[in-house]
Amino acid sequence: MAEPNRVPIAPEIISAAQWAAGRRFTPTGPDQDFFGPGQPLPPLAPPSAAGRQFDYPAGYNLLVTPRGDLPISFLDLRNLAQNCDLVRLVIETRKDQISKMDWTVSPIGDGSKFKVKSSKLKNKKPPSPEAERQAREATALLKRPDRMHSFGAWMRMLLEDMLVIDAATLYPRRTKGGALYALEPVDGATIRPIIDEGGRIPLPPAPAYQQIIKGLPATDYTREELLYYPRNLLTWRIYGFSPVEQIIIITNVILRRQMHLLQYYTDGNLPDALMEVPENWSTAQIAEFQSYWDALHAGNTAQRRRGKWVPHGMTPHLMKEGDLKSPIDEWFARVVCYAFSVSPQPFVQTINRATAETAQEAALSEGLVPLMQWMADFINYALQDFGFDQVEFAWQQEGAVDPQVQAQIDNLDVSNGIRLRSEIRTSRGLVDDGTPDFIMTVQGPVLVSDIGKEPEPEPGNHNSDGSNADGGGGPEPSGTQKPPPQKLAKTTSSTGLKPAPPRPRPPKKET
């Protein structure tokens, strides 16, 4: 039998079948798909393009201006935060709240970290001499991190760049031996991140950041030579998303309203009142009387209080003042304060005191604590990458900034047996005064050392004839048996109190 003619298969069909098999797609014929989805186009990028973070513009690293691919520049954000009074007040308030917090540097795992309870400190190994040495050196370094400013002033510079442009940056200056000498703040608006093929900051030794000075690339830095630490990052861009950028439209409206109020007092042409003169007055007479009137009252407050005689036919027309304050101002204040998690109480009408205190506590818990955690993470990132790998930076306070509120919390913790008095003194940095620890119960304070001990029986108070000393009968009649003395039950609760005896049951009634 003759062999049929063989027709070679086109290479395009073979490659399409191989691609479909590799992608686990089942190729179907035109008769099997009825308005089906169709086959996707084959990928054009090489396998090395897998895992790209975002669709960055081609030639992204050739952009010289920081944030050149975004519509809002660093300068725009700083101008908004600098010129808008409300935004500036909120930023300074948040910086003041964090600056007054106490901090410490301690060996890792000793319980000094933020929000670590004392119950977790049991059976902890003492820190090593190396950890204690690092804690002392790191504490001395952070007292003046850049060898010039105090910790509070140094931290305010970082918070300013984080809240306005979200580009807090530190330059770790080293000694000749390679040890960390200082942590110097750098203007984050001059730093432009460099990305690799995957859209991420490359690892050393490749350059990761470039500083732009006078519009020109000045210096390249690796991730070990510069600490660039935005707080609010997004997947579709490299730069952070600051609170000022989140309210950029509202801030623009507030700025224009501020200019309107300023022009009301500087550039307005409406006087407080207009007076209509008699009909037969000429222009010269009006000007002469105006000069006389201005000379009589300008700058003379005592003369204004006296009555004046005016010509017949002069009718005054009082001008209505403009709307200098409206409910929209309160709404602007609420939006700005909400963006920074600050209580709007100073800028709005408060309904009652309880509502104001609730808003204040919510603002502290929602906004202050996350900022403190970000700052602690940034400092630990700077310390632990430069030789201080056995210590950590932590805030001493646990969220209650008001001393009165913190005292109430400590009092409740001691009363409920959650924390001991000595633990609270240690957390405040006070020296132990030797007073024994106790907990409060319904019957008074109970020493912690007495918990679990059997209480001593109270001595009886009887007369010589056998009668009770508190009055009442003589000796008990014969035939009456005394109930056996009850043994004192051992204390089982943590408060050291014995359990209450069972109540006697009432006698049953006979039917």
Protein backbone atom coordinates (compact mmCIF):
# COMPACT_ATOMS: atom_id res chain seq x y z
CA MET A 1 0.00 0.00 0.00
CA ALA A 2 1.35 3.37 -1.00
CA GLU A 3 2.36 5.62 1.89
CA PRO A 4 0.27 8.86 2.01
CA ASN A 5 1.89 12.20 1.41
CA ARG A 6 3.28 13.73 4.61
CA VAL A 7 2.85 17.46 5.16
CA PRO A 8 5.21 19.02 7.74
CA ILE A 9 3.60 20.91 10.64
CA ALA A 10 4.31 24.60 10.77
CA PRO A 11 6.75 25.68 13.55
CA GLU A 12 4.20 28.24 14.84
CA ILE A 13 1.71 25.47 15.57
CA ILE A 14 4.33 23.37 17.39
CA SER A 15 5.47 26.31 19.55
CA ALA A 16 1.87 27.21 20.40
CA ALA A 17 1.15 23.62 21.44
CA GLN A 18 4.29 23.45 23.57
CA TRP A 19 3.46 26.75 25.26
CA ALA A 20 -0.12 25.61 25.96
CA ALA A 21 1.13 22.34 27.43
CA GLY A 22 3.65 24.14 29.62
CA ARG A 23 0.97 26.58 30.85
CA ARG A 24 -1.52 23.73 31.38
CA PHE A 25 -3.96 25.09 28.84
CA THR A 26 -5.89 22.61 26.77
CA PRO A 27 -5.94 23.70 23.12
CA THR A 28 -9.41 23.42 21.71
CA GLY A 29 -10.68 23.60 18.21
CA PRO A 30 -13.08 26.15 16.81
CA ASP A 31 -16.01 23.77 17.28
CA GLN A 32 -15.42 23.27 21.04
CA ASP A 33 -15.29 26.99 22.10
CA PHE A 34 -18.55 28.89 21.92
CA PHE A 35 -17.76 32.51 22.72
CA GLY A 36 -14.95 31.21 24.91
CA PRO A 37 -12.25 33.29 26.60
CA GLY A 38 -9.63 32.49 24.03
CA GLN A 39 -5.99 31.74 24.56
CA PRO A 40 -3.85 34.45 26.23
CA LEU A 41 -0.95 35.93 24.38
CA PRO A 42 2.37 34.22 25.01
CA PRO A 43 4.70 36.13 27.39
CA LEU A 44 7.32 38.25 25.76
CA ALA A 45 9.60 38.95 28.77
CA PRO A 46 12.43 36.56 29.68
CA PRO A 47 12.12 34.37 32.82
CA SER A 48 14.28 36.83 34.77
CA ALA A 49 11.38 39.35 34.71
CA ALA A 50 9.27 37.20 37.04
CA GLY A 51 8.46 38.80 40.39
CA ARG A 52 8.66 42.43 39.28
CA GLN A 53 7.21 44.67 41.98
CA PHE A 54 5.46 47.25 39.79
CA ASP A 55 5.32 48.57 36.25
CA TYR A 56 7.98 51.23 36.55
CA PRO A 57 8.71 53.54 33.61
CA ALA A 58 11.41 52.44 31.20
CA GLY A 59 14.73 53.97 32.14
CA TYR A 60 13.56 54.73 35.68
CA ASN A 61 17.09 55.08 37.03
CA LEU A 62 17.84 57.78 34.47
CA LEU A 63 15.47 60.19 36.22
CA VAL A 64 17.53 62.71 38.14
CA THR A 65 14.90 64.63 40.11
CA PRO A 66 13.60 62.79 43.21
CA ARG A 67 9.88 62.05 42.83
CA GLY A 68 10.21 63.08 39.19
CA ASP A 69 7.70 60.40 38.19
CA LEU A 70 5.03 61.73 40.60
CA PRO A 71 2.84 64.83 40.13
CA ILE A 72 3.61 66.20 43.63
CA SER A 73 7.22 67.07 44.39
CA PHE A 74 8.99 67.17 47.73
CA LEU A 75 9.05 70.97 47.55
CA ASP A 76 5.26 71.09 47.10
CA LEU A 77 4.71 68.96 50.19
CA ARG A 78 7.02 71.07 52.29
CA ASN A 79 5.42 74.31 51.13
CA LEU A 80 2.00 73.01 52.08
CA ALA A 81 3.14 71.93 55.53
CA GLN A 82 5.08 75.15 56.10
CA ASN A 83 2.41 77.64 54.99
CA CYS A 84 -0.77 76.00 56.27
CA ASP A 85 -1.05 77.04 59.92
CA LEU A 86 -3.37 74.19 60.92
CA VAL A 87 -1.14 71.48 59.44
CA ARG A 88 1.97 73.01 61.01
CA LEU A 89 0.36 73.17 64.46
CA VAL A 90 -0.70 69.52 64.27
CA ILE A 91 2.79 68.41 63.17
CA GLU A 92 4.48 70.31 65.99
CA THR A 93 1.99 68.89 68.51
CA ARG A 94 2.76 65.34 67.43
CA LYS A 95 6.50 66.01 67.66
CA ASP A 96 6.08 67.46 71.15
CA GLN A 97 4.14 64.41 72.33
CA ILE A 98 6.87 62.00 71.27
CA SER A 99 9.77 64.19 72.39
CA LYS A 100 8.71 64.08 76.03
CA MET A 101 8.65 60.28 76.18
CA ASP A 102 11.38 58.46 78.08
CA TRP A 103 13.46 55.78 76.38
CA THR A 104 16.02 53.15 77.24
CA VAL A 105 18.52 50.83 75.56
CA SER A 106 18.72 47.40 77.16
CA PRO A 107 19.91 43.90 76.27
CA ILE A 108 17.51 41.97 74.09
CA GLY A 109 15.05 39.84 76.05
CA ASP A 110 15.29 41.45 79.48
CA GLY A 111 11.72 42.75 79.31
CA SER A 112 12.34 46.43 78.71
CA LYS A 113 10.82 46.38 75.25
CA PHE A 114 7.68 48.35 74.56
CA LYS A 115 4.54 46.67 75.94
CA VAL A 116 6.29 43.61 77.37
CA LYS A 117 4.59 42.46 80.56
CA SER A 118 6.55 41.64 83.68
CA SER A 119 5.00 38.17 83.87
CA LYS A 120 7.24 37.18 80.98
CA LEU A 121 10.39 38.02 82.88
CA LYS A 122 10.50 34.84 84.93
CA ASN A 123 13.32 32.40 84.32
CA LYS A 124 15.16 34.88 82.12
CA LYS A 125 18.88 34.50 81.86
CA PRO A 126 20.93 37.50 82.98
CA PRO A 127 22.40 39.53 80.13
CA SER A 128 25.94 38.78 79.09
CA PRO A 129 28.78 41.23 79.77
CA GLU A 130 28.97 41.94 76.05
CA ALA A 131 25.26 42.88 75.95
CA GLU A 132 25.66 45.16 78.96
CA ARG A 133 28.65 46.84 77.32
CA GLN A 134 26.70 47.41 74.11
CA ALA A 135 23.76 48.81 76.08
CA ARG A 136 26.00 51.35 77.81
CA GLU A 137 27.70 52.43 74.59
CA ALA A 138 24.42 52.67 72.65
CA THR A 139 22.85 54.74 75.43
CA ALA A 140 25.81 57.13 75.38
CA LEU A 141 25.58 57.37 71.59
CA LEU A 142 21.83 58.13 71.53
CA LYS A 143 22.14 60.92 74.07
CA ARG A 144 23.63 62.93 71.18
CA PRO A 145 23.14 60.74 68.10
CA ASP A 146 24.81 63.12 65.64
CA ARG A 147 27.43 64.32 68.17
CA MET A 148 25.74 67.73 68.20
CA HIS A 149 22.00 67.73 68.96
CA SER A 150 20.21 66.10 71.85
CA PHE A 151 18.04 63.06 71.29
CA GLY A 152 14.87 65.17 71.30
CA ALA A 153 16.10 67.65 68.70
CA TRP A 154 17.56 64.83 66.59
CA MET A 155 14.30 62.91 66.68
CA ARG A 156 12.24 65.97 65.73
CA MET A 157 14.23 66.27 62.48
CA LEU A 158 13.43 62.67 61.59
CA LEU A 159 9.75 63.08 62.50
CA GLU A 160 9.53 66.22 60.35
CA ASP A 161 10.77 64.36 57.26
CA MET A 162 8.53 61.39 58.01
CA LEU A 163 5.29 63.36 58.59
CA VAL A 164 5.79 65.76 55.65
CA ILE A 165 7.60 63.83 52.89
CA ASP A 166 7.92 60.34 54.45
CA ALA A 167 11.61 60.12 53.62
CA ALA A 168 13.46 59.92 56.95
CA THR A 169 17.15 59.32 56.21
CA LEU A 170 20.25 58.76 58.34
CA TYR A 171 23.90 58.70 57.33
CA PRO A 172 25.88 56.39 59.67
CA ARG A 173 29.30 57.96 60.06
CA ARG A 174 31.99 55.47 61.04
CA THR A 175 35.32 55.73 62.80
CA LYS A 176 38.56 54.73 61.12
CA GLY A 177 38.21 51.33 62.74
CA GLY A 178 34.74 50.82 61.26
CA ALA A 179 32.71 51.37 64.45
CA LEU A 180 29.57 53.53 64.46
CA TYR A 181 30.49 57.09 65.41
CA ALA A 182 27.32 59.11 64.70
CA LEU A 183 23.88 58.91 63.08
CA GLU A 184 23.56 62.11 61.08
CA PRO A 185 20.17 63.16 59.63
CA VAL A 186 20.09 63.77 55.88
CA ASP A 187 17.48 65.71 53.91
CA GLY A 188 15.33 62.95 52.43
CA ALA A 189 14.23 65.23 49.59
CA THR A 190 17.73 64.94 48.08
CA ILE A 191 17.72 61.12 48.02
CA ARG A 192 16.56 59.20 44.94
CA PRO A 193 16.23 55.42 45.33
CA ILE A 194 17.71 53.20 42.62
CA ILE A 195 15.85 50.03 41.60
CA ASP A 196 16.94 46.78 40.00
CA GLU A 197 15.18 44.79 37.26
CA GLY A 198 12.57 43.62 39.76
CA GLY A 199 11.67 47.14 40.86
CA ARG A 200 13.30 46.81 44.30
CA ILE A 201 16.21 48.42 46.11
CA PRO A 202 19.31 46.38 45.18
CA LEU A 203 21.49 44.68 47.79
CA PRO A 204 25.12 45.60 48.45
CA PRO A 205 27.56 46.09 46.85
CA ALA A 206 25.29 47.56 44.16
CA PRO A 207 24.35 51.24 44.69
CA ALA A 208 20.89 51.64 46.21
CA TYR A 209 20.49 55.41 46.62
CA GLN A 210 21.74 58.50 44.86
CA GLN A 211 21.93 61.96 46.38
CA ILE A 212 20.97 64.81 44.08
CA ILE A 213 22.71 68.15 44.77
CA LYS A 214 22.06 71.23 42.60
CA GLY A 215 20.11 69.03 40.20
CA LEU A 216 23.10 66.74 39.57
CA PRO A 217 23.93 63.23 40.89
CA ALA A 218 26.45 63.82 43.67
CA THR A 219 27.03 60.53 45.56
CA ASP A 220 25.97 56.89 45.33
CA TYR A 221 25.20 54.92 48.50
CA THR A 222 24.60 51.26 49.20
CA ARG A 223 22.01 50.03 51.68
CA GLU A 224 24.78 49.77 54.28
CA GLU A 225 26.05 53.31 53.68
CA LEU A 226 22.70 55.12 53.94
CA LEU A 227 19.59 54.33 55.99
CA TYR A 228 16.49 55.35 54.02
CA TYR A 229 13.40 54.43 56.05
CA PRO A 230 9.95 55.50 54.75
CA ARG A 231 7.03 54.56 56.98
CA ASN A 232 4.04 54.25 54.63
CA LEU A 233 5.16 52.36 51.53
CA LEU A 234 3.05 51.33 48.53
CA THR A 235 3.61 48.52 46.04
CA TRP A 236 3.26 50.72 42.97
CA ARG A 237 5.96 53.26 43.81
CA ILE A 238 9.24 53.58 45.69
CA TYR A 239 8.56 56.73 47.70
CA GLY A 240 6.51 56.89 50.87
CA PHE A 241 2.98 58.27 51.28
CA SER A 242 3.07 60.92 54.00
CA PRO A 243 0.08 62.30 55.95
CA VAL A 244 0.55 65.69 54.28
CA GLU A 245 0.23 64.07 50.85
CA GLN A 246 -2.94 62.30 51.96
CA ILE A 247 -4.72 65.61 52.62
CA ILE A 248 -3.19 67.66 49.83
CA ILE A 249 -6.56 68.85 48.44
CA ILE A 250 -7.90 69.87 51.85
CA THR A 251 -4.63 71.66 52.60
CA ASN A 252 -4.89 73.64 49.37
CA VAL A 253 -8.42 74.76 50.25
CA ILE A 254 -7.31 75.78 53.75
CA LEU A 255 -4.45 77.83 52.29
CA ARG A 256 -6.79 79.71 49.97
CA ARG A 257 -9.20 80.36 52.81
CA GLN A 258 -6.34 81.72 54.92
CA MET A 259 -5.41 84.10 52.10
CA HIS A 260 -9.04 85.22 51.85
CA LEU A 261 -9.09 86.09 55.56
CA LEU A 262 -5.76 87.89 55.27
CA GLN A 263 -6.96 89.97 52.33
CA TYR A 264 -10.11 90.83 54.25
CA TYR A 265 -7.97 92.77 56.70
CA THR A 266 -5.28 94.03 54.29
CA ASP A 267 -6.72 94.53 50.80
CA GLY A 268 -10.44 95.08 51.43
CA ASN A 269 -12.05 98.33 50.18
CA LEU A 270 -15.32 98.24 52.14
CA PRO A 271 -15.41 100.58 55.18
CA ASP A 272 -17.32 99.85 58.35
CA ALA A 273 -20.04 102.37 57.46
CA LEU A 274 -21.14 104.76 54.68
CA MET A 275 -22.89 108.07 55.37
CA GLU A 276 -25.11 109.81 52.86
CA VAL A 277 -24.65 113.63 52.74
CA PRO A 278 -27.30 116.19 51.76
CA GLU A 279 -28.14 116.48 48.07
CA ASN A 280 -26.88 120.03 47.60
CA TRP A 281 -23.31 119.28 48.76
CA SER A 282 -20.58 119.55 46.19
CA THR A 283 -17.60 117.28 45.83
CA ALA A 284 -15.34 119.85 47.46
CA GLN A 285 -17.66 120.13 50.46
CA ILE A 286 -17.72 116.33 50.85
CA ALA A 287 -13.93 116.15 50.73
CA GLU A 288 -13.60 119.00 53.23
CA PHE A 289 -16.03 117.39 55.67
CA GLN A 290 -14.28 114.01 55.25
CA SER A 291 -10.94 115.55 56.21
CA TYR A 292 -12.54 117.25 59.22
CA TRP A 293 -14.18 114.01 60.29
CA ASP A 294 -10.97 111.96 59.94
CA ALA A 295 -8.94 114.48 61.90
CA LEU A 296 -11.56 114.51 64.63
CA HIS A 297 -11.75 110.74 65.17
CA ALA A 298 -8.63 109.08 63.76
CA GLY A 299 -6.60 107.61 66.64
CA ASN A 300 -8.66 109.46 69.29
CA THR A 301 -10.68 106.86 71.14
CA ALA A 302 -11.89 109.34 73.78
CA GLN A 303 -13.33 111.65 71.10
CA ARG A 304 -15.24 108.74 69.55
CA ARG A 305 -17.18 108.25 72.78
CA ARG A 306 -18.68 111.75 72.64
CA GLY A 307 -21.85 112.75 70.84
CA LYS A 308 -21.55 114.62 67.54
CA TRP A 309 -23.79 117.07 65.66
CA VAL A 310 -23.93 116.43 61.94
CA PRO A 311 -25.63 118.32 59.09
CA HIS A 312 -29.19 117.56 58.13
CA GLY A 313 -29.72 114.71 55.65
CA MET A 314 -26.66 112.61 56.58
CA THR A 315 -27.97 109.02 56.69
CA PRO A 316 -25.53 106.27 57.88
CA HIS A 317 -25.41 102.86 56.18
CA LEU A 318 -23.72 100.18 58.30
CA MET A 319 -21.87 97.54 56.32
CA LYS A 320 -22.30 93.85 57.24
CA GLU A 321 -19.09 91.99 58.11
CA GLY A 322 -18.04 89.03 56.00
CA ASP A 323 -18.35 85.42 57.04
CA LEU A 324 -15.04 85.03 58.91
CA LYS A 325 -15.86 81.67 60.51
CA SER A 326 -18.16 78.91 59.30
CA PRO A 327 -18.80 75.19 59.99
CA ILE A 328 -16.47 74.30 57.11
CA ASP A 329 -13.51 75.47 59.21
CA GLU A 330 -14.39 72.91 61.86
CA TRP A 331 -14.65 70.22 59.20
CA PHE A 332 -11.18 71.13 57.86
CA ALA A 333 -9.75 70.86 61.38
CA ARG A 334 -11.30 67.44 61.89
CA VAL A 335 -9.93 66.10 58.60
CA VAL A 336 -6.41 67.37 59.25
CA CYS A 337 -6.35 66.08 62.82
CA TYR A 338 -7.71 62.72 61.67
CA ALA A 339 -4.91 62.37 59.12
CA PHE A 340 -2.32 62.81 61.87
CA SER A 341 -4.37 60.95 64.53
CA VAL A 342 -4.44 64.02 66.75
CA SER A 343 -7.46 65.04 68.82
CA PRO A 344 -9.35 67.98 67.18
CA GLN A 345 -10.54 69.22 70.58
CA PRO A 346 -8.63 72.56 70.51
CA PHE A 347 -10.15 73.52 67.13
CA VAL A 348 -13.80 72.42 67.42
CA GLN A 349 -16.70 72.92 69.75
CA THR A 350 -16.72 70.20 72.39
CA ILE A 351 -20.06 68.64 73.23
CA ASN A 352 -19.08 67.55 76.71
CA ARG A 353 -16.00 66.72 78.71
CA ALA A 354 -16.42 62.94 78.45
CA THR A 355 -16.51 63.11 74.66
CA ALA A 356 -13.37 65.25 74.61
CA GLU A 357 -11.48 62.89 76.92
CA THR A 358 -12.54 59.88 74.81
CA ALA A 359 -11.31 61.59 71.64
CA GLN A 360 -8.02 62.46 73.33
CA GLU A 361 -7.41 58.88 74.46
CA ALA A 362 -8.33 57.51 71.02
CA ALA A 363 -5.92 59.91 69.32
CA LEU A 364 -3.09 58.89 71.62
CA SER A 365 -3.67 55.15 71.17
CA GLU A 366 -4.28 55.28 67.41
CA GLY A 367 -1.62 57.78 66.38
CA LEU A 368 1.07 58.15 69.02
CA VAL A 369 1.83 54.49 69.66
CA PRO A 370 2.36 53.59 65.94
CA LEU A 371 4.73 56.53 65.53
CA MET A 372 6.68 55.46 68.60
CA GLN A 373 6.92 51.92 67.24
CA TRP A 374 8.16 53.22 63.88
CA MET A 375 10.81 55.33 65.57
CA ALA A 376 11.90 52.40 67.75
CA ASP A 377 12.17 50.15 64.67
CA PHE A 378 14.21 52.77 62.82
CA ILE A 379 16.65 53.22 65.71
CA ASN A 380 17.00 49.46 66.22
CA TYR A 381 17.61 49.07 62.49
CA ALA A 382 20.41 51.64 62.76
CA LEU A 383 21.94 50.15 65.92
CA GLN A 384 21.71 46.43 65.22
CA ASP A 385 23.23 46.74 61.74
CA PHE A 386 26.32 48.52 63.07
CA GLY A 387 27.65 46.41 65.89
CA PHE A 388 24.91 46.71 68.53
CA ASP A 389 23.27 43.36 67.77
CA GLN A 390 22.54 42.37 71.38
CA VAL A 391 20.60 45.45 72.49
CA GLU A 392 17.37 47.14 71.54
CA PHE A 393 15.86 50.60 71.86
CA ALA A 394 12.51 50.82 73.64
CA TRP A 395 10.14 53.39 75.08
CA GLN A 396 9.60 53.19 78.83
CA GLN A 397 6.00 54.38 78.84
CA GLU A 398 3.21 51.98 77.88
CA GLY A 399 0.85 54.33 76.12
CA ALA A 400 -0.63 56.37 78.99
CA VAL A 401 1.03 59.75 78.57
CA ASP A 402 -1.00 61.65 81.16
CA PRO A 403 0.66 61.14 84.59
CA GLN A 404 -2.71 61.08 86.33
CA VAL A 405 -4.01 58.39 83.99
CA GLN A 406 -0.80 56.37 84.43
CA ALA A 407 -1.10 56.64 88.23
CA GLN A 408 -4.67 55.31 88.08
CA ILE A 409 -3.55 52.40 85.92
CA ASP A 410 -0.71 51.56 88.32
CA ASN A 411 -3.09 51.74 91.29
CA LEU A 412 -5.54 49.34 89.66
CA ASP A 413 -2.72 46.95 88.72
CA VAL A 414 -1.51 46.81 92.33
CA SER A 415 -5.03 46.44 93.74
CA ASN A 416 -5.91 43.61 91.37
CA GLY A 417 -2.61 41.80 91.83
CA ILE A 418 -1.57 42.28 88.19
CA ARG A 419 1.71 44.03 89.03
CA LEU A 420 3.71 44.50 92.19
CA ARG A 421 4.67 47.79 93.74
CA SER A 422 8.36 47.07 93.22
CA GLU A 423 7.77 46.37 89.52
CA ILE A 424 6.06 49.73 89.04
CA ARG A 425 8.90 51.54 90.77
CA THR A 426 11.40 49.75 88.53
CA SER A 427 9.43 50.68 85.38
CA ARG A 428 9.55 54.34 86.45
CA GLY A 429 13.28 54.20 87.05
CA LEU A 430 13.00 54.54 90.86
CA VAL A 431 15.23 52.76 93.37
CA ASP A 432 13.64 50.07 95.54
CA ASP A 433 12.95 51.58 98.97
CA GLY A 434 12.70 48.21 100.76
CA THR A 435 8.95 48.35 101.36
CA PRO A 436 7.53 44.81 101.09
CA ASP A 437 5.16 44.09 98.25
CA PHE A 438 1.48 43.70 99.03
CA ILE A 439 -1.86 43.39 97.29
CA MET A 440 -5.14 44.93 98.30
CA THR A 441 -8.09 42.75 99.29
CA VAL A 442 -11.54 43.42 100.69
CA GLN A 443 -10.12 42.92 104.19
CA GLY A 444 -7.12 45.18 103.67
CA PRO A 445 -3.58 44.79 102.36
CA VAL A 446 -2.00 41.33 102.31
CA LEU A 447 1.75 40.85 102.08
CA VAL A 448 2.92 38.86 99.11
CA SER A 449 5.24 36.88 101.39
CA ASP A 450 2.24 35.70 103.46
CA ILE A 451 0.32 34.27 100.50
CA GLY A 452 -0.05 30.51 100.88
CA LYS A 453 0.64 30.42 104.65
CA GLU A 454 -1.92 28.98 107.07
CA PRO A 455 -3.46 31.78 109.16
CA GLU A 456 -3.05 31.49 112.92
CA PRO A 457 -6.27 30.70 114.92
CA GLU A 458 -7.65 33.57 116.91
CA PRO A 459 -7.22 33.01 120.70
CA GLY A 460 -10.45 32.38 122.61
CA ASN A 461 -11.68 34.82 125.29
CA HIS A 462 -13.40 32.89 128.10
CA ASN A 463 -14.08 33.46 131.83
CA SER A 464 -12.86 31.19 134.60
CA ASP A 465 -16.35 29.68 135.09
CA GLY A 466 -16.53 28.61 131.48
CA SER A 467 -18.90 31.35 130.37
CA ASN A 468 -18.16 33.57 127.42
CA ALA A 469 -16.53 36.87 128.22
CA ASP A 470 -18.87 38.75 125.94
CA GLY A 471 -21.82 38.11 128.22
CA GLY A 472 -24.34 35.39 128.09
CA GLY A 473 -24.88 32.16 129.90
CA GLY A 474 -22.85 30.13 132.34
CA PRO A 475 -21.63 26.64 131.90
CA GLU A 476 -23.36 24.55 129.34
CA PRO A 477 -25.83 21.96 130.67
CA SER A 478 -24.82 18.35 130.85
CA GLY A 479 -25.80 16.19 128.00
CA THR A 480 -25.06 18.93 125.55
CA GLN A 481 -22.14 18.08 123.37
CA LYS A 482 -19.96 20.76 121.96
CA PRO A 483 -19.50 20.63 118.24
CA PRO A 484 -16.01 19.57 117.29
CA PRO A 485 -13.74 22.51 116.55
CA GLN A 486 -13.43 23.21 112.87
CA LYS A 487 -9.97 23.22 111.44
CA LEU A 488 -8.89 26.38 109.67
CA ALA A 489 -8.83 25.86 105.97
CA LYS A 490 -5.60 26.59 104.17
CA THR A 491 -5.59 29.54 101.88
CA THR A 492 -5.81 28.57 98.27
CA SER A 493 -6.41 31.87 96.55
CA SER A 494 -3.71 34.28 95.49
CA THR A 495 -5.02 36.84 97.94
CA GLY A 496 -4.26 34.71 101.00
CA LEU A 497 -7.89 34.65 102.20
CA LYS A 498 -9.59 31.46 103.43
CA PRO A 499 -12.76 30.38 101.65
CA ALA A 500 -16.08 31.34 103.26
CA PRO A 501 -17.83 28.53 105.30
CA PRO A 502 -21.00 27.01 103.79
CA ARG A 503 -24.27 28.60 104.79
CA PRO A 504 -26.58 26.50 107.08
CA ARG A 505 -29.65 25.12 105.43
CA PRO A 506 -33.07 26.03 106.88
CA PRO A 507 -34.95 23.18 108.67
CA LYS A 508 -37.58 21.37 106.72
CA LYS A 509 -41.17 22.01 107.70
CA GLU A 510 -43.22 18.97 108.72
CA THR A 511 -46.41 18.43 106.82
